[in-house]
């Protein structure tokens, strides 16, 4: 029986030099970069935290209106203003404004009431509105608009110096007058009679030292044993 033999030397060898293996290389410049949103550009997904309102301020104007102001939110498409007479429920929308504005005046608030206000920012995700975390503030309304006053100075027939507070326009029967000097706090001026009519709308206060004096007043009416105040007048200044 013939034997099949194969000499090891005759078996062809397959060799591949590492240097001949083609390498796959990708240039870094060919890798696409993900776009980074600029500060004014909205991200693909808006969150309640991004749309949160910060630093809400509230004040009562001289004309008995409530003014709300807040920091602008760069993600907002607009703002919603809500109001309630209860802190945790009953909020109703009283206004919706564009993102270009970040203040609102409520002209329909009633005097003497306690109100709670909430401001929410909203953004648009396609056809859907996403509302951020609202911020709340409360305010106790005054009963009357601020009185208008005029300051002047003069001397009595005996040569005593005085400053005169003239009440031009007001509501209520009674008055409180506050004075302060530069760098000091307001102090309530003592009055023997607090009825405005007792002074024919002109109240005089004597002084001895020359100074820059500031003044503001508020009027009130007594209802059921309680004082119902006006908003404080605009601060007036006089150099004595």
Protein backbone atom coordinates (compact mmCIF):
# COMPACT_ATOMS: atom_id res chain seq x y z
CA UNK A 1 0.00 0.00 0.00
CA UNK A 2 1.61 3.18 -1.07
CA UNK A 3 2.06 5.67 1.75
CA UNK A 4 1.09 9.24 1.29
CA UNK A 5 3.74 11.49 2.59
CA UNK A 6 4.18 15.18 2.60
CA UNK A 7 7.39 16.77 3.51
CA UNK A 8 6.97 19.58 6.00
CA UNK A 9 9.31 21.62 3.91
CA UNK A 10 6.92 21.44 0.98
CA UNK A 11 3.85 22.79 2.90
CA UNK A 12 3.43 26.39 1.82
CA UNK A 13 3.61 28.82 4.71
CA UNK A 14 1.26 31.74 4.96
CA UNK A 15 2.78 34.73 6.61
CA UNK A 16 1.52 38.22 7.09
CA UNK A 17 3.78 40.94 8.24
CA UNK A 18 2.15 43.27 10.79
CA UNK A 19 3.36 46.12 8.70
CA UNK A 20 1.27 44.94 5.78
CA UNK A 21 -2.07 44.77 7.68
CA UNK A 22 -4.08 47.81 6.62
CA UNK A 23 -5.00 50.03 9.54
CA UNK A 24 -8.35 51.87 9.80
CA UNK A 25 -7.82 55.45 10.83
CA UNK A 26 -10.34 58.22 11.46
CA UNK A 27 -9.30 61.82 11.53
CA UNK A 28 -10.63 63.71 14.59
CA UNK A 29 -11.86 66.42 12.25
CA UNK A 30 -14.19 63.92 10.60
CA UNK A 31 -16.08 63.18 13.88
CA UNK A 32 -19.26 65.31 13.97
CA UNK A 33 -19.51 67.58 17.02
CA UNK A 34 -22.75 67.94 19.00
CA UNK A 35 -24.08 71.49 18.94
CA UNK A 36 -23.72 73.40 22.22
CA UNK A 37 -26.66 75.72 22.93
CA UNK A 38 -25.77 79.38 23.28
CA UNK A 39 -26.98 81.28 26.40
CA UNK A 40 -30.03 82.63 24.57
CA UNK A 41 -30.92 79.35 22.86
CA UNK A 42 -33.52 76.98 24.33
CA UNK A 43 -32.50 73.39 24.95
CA UNK A 44 -34.37 70.53 23.33
CA UNK A 45 -36.09 69.60 26.60
CA UNK A 46 -37.34 72.26 29.01
CA UNK A 47 -37.68 71.48 32.71
CA UNK A 48 -39.72 73.03 35.52
CA UNK A 49 -36.49 73.99 37.21
CA UNK A 50 -35.28 75.95 34.18
CA UNK A 51 -38.58 77.81 34.08
CA UNK A 52 -38.62 78.61 37.82
CA UNK A 53 -39.34 82.24 38.82
CA UNK A 54 -36.76 83.97 41.00
CA UNK A 55 -36.82 87.11 43.16
CA UNK A 56 -40.49 88.05 43.02
CA UNK A 57 -41.21 91.50 44.49
CA UNK A 58 -44.58 92.99 45.39
CA UNK A 59 -45.65 96.48 46.42
CA UNK A 60 -48.74 98.62 46.82
CA UNK A 61 -48.82 101.72 44.63
CA UNK A 62 -50.14 105.12 45.72
CA UNK A 63 -53.23 104.58 43.55
CA UNK A 64 -54.10 101.38 45.48
CA UNK A 65 -52.86 98.94 42.83
CA UNK A 66 -50.58 95.94 43.27
CA UNK A 67 -47.34 95.89 41.27
CA UNK A 68 -45.40 92.63 40.79
CA UNK A 69 -41.86 92.44 39.40
CA UNK A 70 -39.53 89.47 38.92
CA UNK A 71 -36.24 88.49 37.29
CA UNK A 72 -36.41 87.69 33.58
CA UNK A 73 -36.25 83.97 32.72
CA UNK A 74 -34.27 83.32 29.51
CA UNK A 75 -36.14 80.05 28.81
CA UNK A 76 -39.63 81.54 29.09
CA UNK A 77 -42.05 82.10 26.21
CA UNK A 78 -44.38 84.01 28.53
CA UNK A 79 -45.61 84.47 32.10
CA UNK A 80 -48.84 83.67 33.90
CA UNK A 81 -50.06 85.70 36.91
CA UNK A 82 -52.44 84.12 39.41
CA UNK A 83 -54.22 85.47 42.51
CA UNK A 84 -56.07 84.00 45.48
CA UNK A 85 -57.43 85.00 48.89
CA UNK A 86 -56.08 81.69 50.28
CA UNK A 87 -52.43 80.70 50.47
CA UNK A 88 -52.67 77.10 49.29
CA UNK A 89 -55.76 76.99 47.06
CA UNK A 90 -58.18 78.96 44.92
CA UNK A 91 -55.62 80.53 42.55
CA UNK A 92 -57.12 82.01 39.39
CA UNK A 93 -55.31 83.39 36.35
CA UNK A 94 -55.64 87.19 36.21
CA UNK A 95 -53.13 87.84 33.44
CA UNK A 96 -50.82 86.34 30.81
CA UNK A 97 -47.98 88.38 29.32
CA UNK A 98 -45.17 87.86 26.81
CA UNK A 99 -41.58 86.95 27.69
CA UNK A 100 -40.40 90.50 26.89
CA UNK A 101 -42.13 91.80 30.04
CA UNK A 102 -41.36 90.88 33.63
CA UNK A 103 -43.74 93.07 35.63
CA UNK A 104 -47.51 93.21 36.08
CA UNK A 105 -49.97 95.63 37.72
CA UNK A 106 -53.21 94.33 39.22
CA UNK A 107 -55.74 97.16 38.94
CA UNK A 108 -58.72 95.19 40.26
CA UNK A 109 -57.57 94.30 43.79
CA UNK A 110 -60.04 95.40 46.47
CA UNK A 111 -59.04 97.59 49.40
CA UNK A 112 -58.64 96.03 52.83
CA UNK A 113 -58.19 92.44 51.64
CA UNK A 114 -55.30 90.00 51.99
CA UNK A 115 -54.15 88.61 48.64
CA UNK A 116 -51.73 85.89 47.59
CA UNK A 117 -50.07 86.20 44.20
CA UNK A 118 -48.21 83.60 42.15
CA UNK A 119 -46.14 84.07 38.99
CA UNK A 120 -45.31 81.17 36.66
CA UNK A 121 -43.12 81.10 33.56
CA UNK A 122 -44.03 78.82 30.68
CA UNK A 123 -42.11 77.51 27.68
CA UNK A 124 -43.30 75.88 24.47
CA UNK A 125 -42.26 72.32 23.62
CA UNK A 126 -43.72 71.82 20.17
CA UNK A 127 -47.44 72.38 20.62
CA UNK A 128 -47.26 71.74 24.36
CA UNK A 129 -46.83 74.36 27.10
CA UNK A 130 -44.53 73.52 30.00
CA UNK A 131 -45.04 75.52 33.21
CA UNK A 132 -42.22 76.18 35.64
CA UNK A 133 -42.23 76.30 39.42
CA UNK A 134 -44.32 79.26 40.58
CA UNK A 135 -43.26 81.77 43.23
CA UNK A 136 -45.74 83.26 45.74
CA UNK A 137 -46.01 86.52 47.67
CA UNK A 138 -48.73 87.97 49.87
CA UNK A 139 -49.86 91.53 50.46
CA UNK A 140 -52.37 93.21 52.75
CA UNK A 141 -54.28 95.85 50.82
CA UNK A 142 -54.80 99.31 52.24
CA UNK A 143 -58.31 100.74 52.23
CA UNK A 144 -57.72 104.08 50.54
CA UNK A 145 -55.47 105.70 47.96
CA UNK A 146 -52.44 107.67 49.12
CA UNK A 147 -53.11 111.26 50.24
CA UNK A 148 -51.35 114.10 48.47
CA UNK A 149 -49.31 116.52 50.59
CA UNK A 150 -47.26 119.69 50.24
CA UNK A 151 -44.48 120.87 52.57
CA UNK A 152 -43.57 124.48 53.36
CA UNK A 153 -41.81 126.37 56.14
CA UNK A 154 -42.41 129.65 57.94
CA UNK A 155 -42.33 131.57 61.22
CA UNK A 156 -45.03 132.46 63.71
CA UNK A 157 -45.73 136.02 64.88
CA UNK A 158 -43.43 135.26 67.81
CA UNK A 159 -40.57 134.26 65.51
CA UNK A 160 -40.74 130.49 66.05
CA UNK A 161 -39.86 128.36 63.03
CA UNK A 162 -42.27 125.70 61.81
CA UNK A 163 -42.75 123.23 58.97
CA UNK A 164 -46.25 122.96 57.57
CA UNK A 165 -47.83 119.80 56.12
CA UNK A 166 -50.78 120.61 53.93
CA UNK A 167 -53.08 117.72 53.02
CA UNK A 168 -54.41 118.38 49.53
CA UNK A 169 -56.35 115.25 48.64
CA UNK A 170 -57.25 112.36 50.93
CA UNK A 171 -59.80 109.82 52.15
CA UNK A 172 -60.66 109.15 55.78
CA UNK A 173 -61.09 111.41 58.81
CA UNK A 174 -57.83 110.89 60.68
CA UNK A 175 -54.13 111.29 59.95
CA UNK A 176 -50.69 110.03 60.97
CA UNK A 177 -47.63 112.16 60.13
CA UNK A 178 -44.10 110.73 60.01
CA UNK A 179 -40.81 112.65 59.88
CA UNK A 180 -37.17 111.69 59.53
CA UNK A 181 -33.81 113.42 59.10
CA UNK A 182 -31.00 112.26 56.80
CA UNK A 183 -29.80 108.77 57.74
CA UNK A 184 -32.50 108.31 60.39
CA UNK A 185 -35.65 106.22 60.64
CA UNK A 186 -39.16 107.61 60.34
CA UNK A 187 -40.78 108.67 63.62
CA UNK A 188 -44.50 109.19 64.21
CA UNK A 189 -45.14 112.83 65.11
CA UNK A 190 -47.28 113.35 68.25
CA UNK A 191 -50.70 114.91 67.63
CA UNK A 192 -53.19 116.00 70.30
CA UNK A 193 -56.03 115.64 67.85
CA UNK A 194 -55.77 113.26 64.90
CA UNK A 195 -58.82 114.59 63.06
CA UNK A 196 -57.71 116.29 59.86
CA UNK A 197 -60.58 118.77 60.01
CA UNK A 198 -59.29 120.08 63.36
CA UNK A 199 -56.31 121.59 61.52
CA UNK A 200 -58.21 122.76 58.43
CA UNK A 201 -55.99 120.42 56.39
CA UNK A 202 -52.83 122.30 57.53
CA UNK A 203 -50.64 120.83 60.28
CA UNK A 204 -47.73 122.82 61.72
CA UNK A 205 -44.74 121.39 63.59
CA UNK A 206 -42.11 123.53 65.31
CA UNK A 207 -38.38 122.86 64.92
CA UNK A 208 -35.14 124.33 66.25
CA UNK A 209 -32.30 122.76 64.26
CA UNK A 210 -31.66 123.30 60.58
CA UNK A 211 -31.70 120.05 58.64
CA UNK A 212 -33.05 118.25 55.59
CA UNK A 213 -36.40 116.84 56.67
CA UNK A 214 -38.42 114.07 55.01
CA UNK A 215 -42.13 113.55 55.53
CA UNK A 216 -44.84 111.04 54.64
CA UNK A 217 -48.40 110.65 55.91
CA UNK A 218 -51.28 108.21 55.83
CA UNK A 219 -54.94 108.71 56.61
CA UNK A 220 -57.46 106.33 58.10
CA UNK A 221 -61.06 105.74 59.05
CA UNK A 222 -62.26 103.77 62.06
CA UNK A 223 -64.62 100.91 61.19
CA UNK A 224 -65.95 98.56 63.86
CA UNK A 225 -63.21 99.70 66.21
CA UNK A 226 -60.39 99.08 63.70
CA UNK A 227 -58.25 101.55 61.81
CA UNK A 228 -58.61 101.24 58.04
CA UNK A 229 -55.52 102.91 56.58
CA UNK A 230 -54.67 104.50 53.26
CA UNK A 231 -51.48 103.86 51.33
CA UNK A 232 -48.61 106.09 52.50
CA UNK A 233 -48.23 109.34 50.62
CA UNK A 234 -45.28 109.98 48.37
CA UNK A 235 -42.23 111.03 50.40
CA UNK A 236 -41.60 114.78 50.41
CA UNK A 237 -38.38 116.60 51.31
CA UNK A 238 -37.70 120.11 52.60
CA UNK A 239 -34.53 121.91 53.67
CA UNK A 240 -35.10 123.80 56.93
